[in-house]
Amino acid sequence: MKLTDEYIWRQSQKHQMMLLHLISVFIREIPDLEMHFKWGMPYLYYKKRMFCYLISNSKKDFVDAGFARGFQLKRNQESLVDEKRNTVKSLRYFNLEEIDNAILQDVILEAKTLYK
């Protein structure tokens, strides 16, 4: 079993469902993404460069999709969290039902344009 799979299956069922849903949307939008395990979490790579990490925070009960070039994103600012980070902005979810696929897809596609 891959380290990324092990990471997902170690999470609560609620977080597993969110992670699996996020991964499916990412892969649907950018089929050639690669998933690696880096810094203790699943990390999606696009064109061999860090694109987005997925992390489950069990203490605060959320899942973050952190975009490596998040501060270059222009759209959907009201949905992106920066928390005093220099380059990463993330979409944060506390339950599966609050994942807005339209916003997620738009952020993914905008982030994709930052990789030439």
Protein backbone atom coordinates (compact mmCIF):
# COMPACT_ATOMS: atom_id res chain seq x y z
CA MET A 1 0.00 0.00 0.00
CA LYS A 2 1.24 3.49 -0.85
CA LEU A 3 2.02 5.95 1.92
CA THR A 4 -0.67 8.28 0.58
CA ASP A 5 -3.27 5.50 0.85
CA GLU A 6 -2.12 4.65 4.36
CA TYR A 7 -2.43 8.30 5.35
CA ILE A 8 -6.01 8.47 4.08
CA TRP A 9 -7.09 5.21 5.75
CA ARG A 10 -5.65 6.34 9.12
CA GLN A 11 -8.05 9.30 9.19
CA SER A 12 -11.56 9.33 10.60
CA GLN A 13 -14.28 8.15 8.23
CA LYS A 14 -15.50 11.73 7.89
CA HIS A 15 -12.05 12.96 6.83
CA GLN A 16 -11.50 9.94 4.57
CA MET A 17 -14.66 10.81 2.66
CA MET A 18 -13.59 14.44 2.25
CA LEU A 19 -10.05 13.49 1.14
CA LEU A 20 -11.29 10.93 -1.36
CA HIS A 21 -13.81 13.38 -2.77
CA LEU A 22 -11.17 16.11 -3.12
CA ILE A 23 -8.76 13.73 -4.84
CA SER A 24 -11.46 12.64 -7.30
CA VAL A 25 -12.22 16.26 -8.24
CA PHE A 26 -8.52 17.10 -8.64
CA ILE A 27 -7.93 14.06 -10.88
CA ARG A 28 -11.07 14.75 -12.91
CA GLU A 29 -9.92 18.33 -13.57
CA ILE A 30 -6.22 17.53 -14.15
CA PRO A 31 -5.82 13.84 -15.04
CA ASP A 32 -2.02 14.00 -15.21
CA LEU A 33 -1.55 15.04 -11.56
CA GLU A 34 0.81 12.81 -9.59
CA MET A 35 0.31 12.08 -5.92
CA HIS A 36 3.30 11.73 -3.61
CA PHE A 37 3.78 11.57 0.12
CA LYS A 38 5.82 14.56 1.29
CA TRP A 39 6.20 16.16 4.72
CA GLY A 40 3.80 13.61 6.20
CA MET A 41 0.86 14.29 3.88
CA PRO A 42 -0.42 13.58 0.36
CA TYR A 43 0.95 16.14 -2.08
CA LEU A 44 -0.30 16.57 -5.63
CA TYR A 45 2.27 17.47 -8.26
CA TYR A 46 1.61 19.07 -11.63
CA LYS A 47 4.32 19.18 -14.27
CA LYS A 48 6.70 17.72 -11.66
CA ARG A 49 6.16 20.70 -9.33
CA MET A 50 4.28 20.96 -6.06
CA PHE A 51 0.67 21.88 -6.77
CA CYS A 52 -1.49 21.18 -3.72
CA TYR A 53 -1.28 19.31 -0.42
CA LEU A 54 -4.17 17.57 1.30
CA ILE A 55 -4.08 17.41 5.07
CA SER A 56 -6.46 16.21 7.73
CA ASN A 57 -6.41 18.17 11.00
CA SER A 58 -8.13 15.92 13.52
CA LYS A 59 -7.67 18.34 16.44
CA LYS A 60 -9.54 21.15 14.70
CA ASP A 61 -11.68 18.75 12.65
CA PHE A 62 -11.04 20.00 9.13
CA VAL A 63 -9.40 19.00 5.86
CA ASP A 64 -7.26 21.51 3.98
CA ALA A 65 -6.44 21.59 0.28
CA GLY A 66 -3.42 23.92 0.32
CA PHE A 67 -2.35 25.37 -3.02
CA ALA A 68 1.40 25.88 -3.29
CA ARG A 69 1.00 29.06 -5.35
CA GLY A 70 -2.12 30.17 -3.54
CA PHE A 71 -1.09 33.80 -3.16
CA GLN A 72 -1.00 34.15 -6.95
CA LEU A 73 -4.67 33.17 -7.21
CA LYS A 74 -7.04 36.05 -7.98
CA ARG A 75 -10.50 34.47 -7.94
CA ASN A 76 -12.46 32.98 -5.02
CA GLN A 77 -10.58 34.98 -2.38
CA GLU A 78 -13.59 34.80 -0.05
CA SER A 79 -13.20 31.00 0.04
CA LEU A 80 -9.41 30.82 0.43
CA VAL A 81 -7.68 30.74 3.84
CA ASP A 82 -4.17 32.16 4.27
CA GLU A 83 -3.59 32.03 8.07
CA LYS A 84 -0.42 34.14 7.98
CA ARG A 85 1.26 31.87 5.41
CA ASN A 86 3.58 33.39 2.82
CA THR A 87 2.74 31.41 -0.31
CA VAL A 88 0.03 28.85 0.43
CA LYS A 89 -3.69 29.52 0.46
CA SER A 90 -6.11 26.71 1.11
CA LEU A 91 -9.69 25.64 0.78
CA ARG A 92 -10.79 24.39 4.20
CA TYR A 93 -13.64 21.98 4.78
CA PHE A 94 -15.28 20.84 8.01
CA ASN A 95 -17.67 18.37 6.37
CA LEU A 96 -18.30 16.78 2.98
CA GLU A 97 -21.53 18.67 2.39
CA GLU A 98 -19.83 22.08 2.46
CA ILE A 99 -17.47 21.26 -0.42
CA ASP A 100 -18.61 23.49 -3.26
CA ASN A 101 -17.41 21.63 -6.35
CA ALA A 102 -17.82 24.70 -8.58
CA ILE A 103 -15.45 26.76 -6.42
CA LEU A 104 -13.05 23.84 -5.98
CA GLN A 105 -12.94 23.26 -9.75
CA ASP A 106 -12.45 26.95 -10.46
CA VAL A 107 -9.56 27.21 -7.99
CA ILE A 108 -7.94 24.07 -9.43
CA LEU A 109 -8.23 25.38 -13.00
CA GLU A 110 -6.92 28.83 -12.06
CA ALA A 111 -4.01 27.30 -10.15
CA LYS A 112 -3.23 25.14 -13.19
CA THR A 113 -2.67 28.28 -15.27
CA LEU A 114 0.19 29.30 -12.92
CA TYR A 115 2.26 26.33 -14.16
CA LYS A 116 3.64 26.94 -17.62
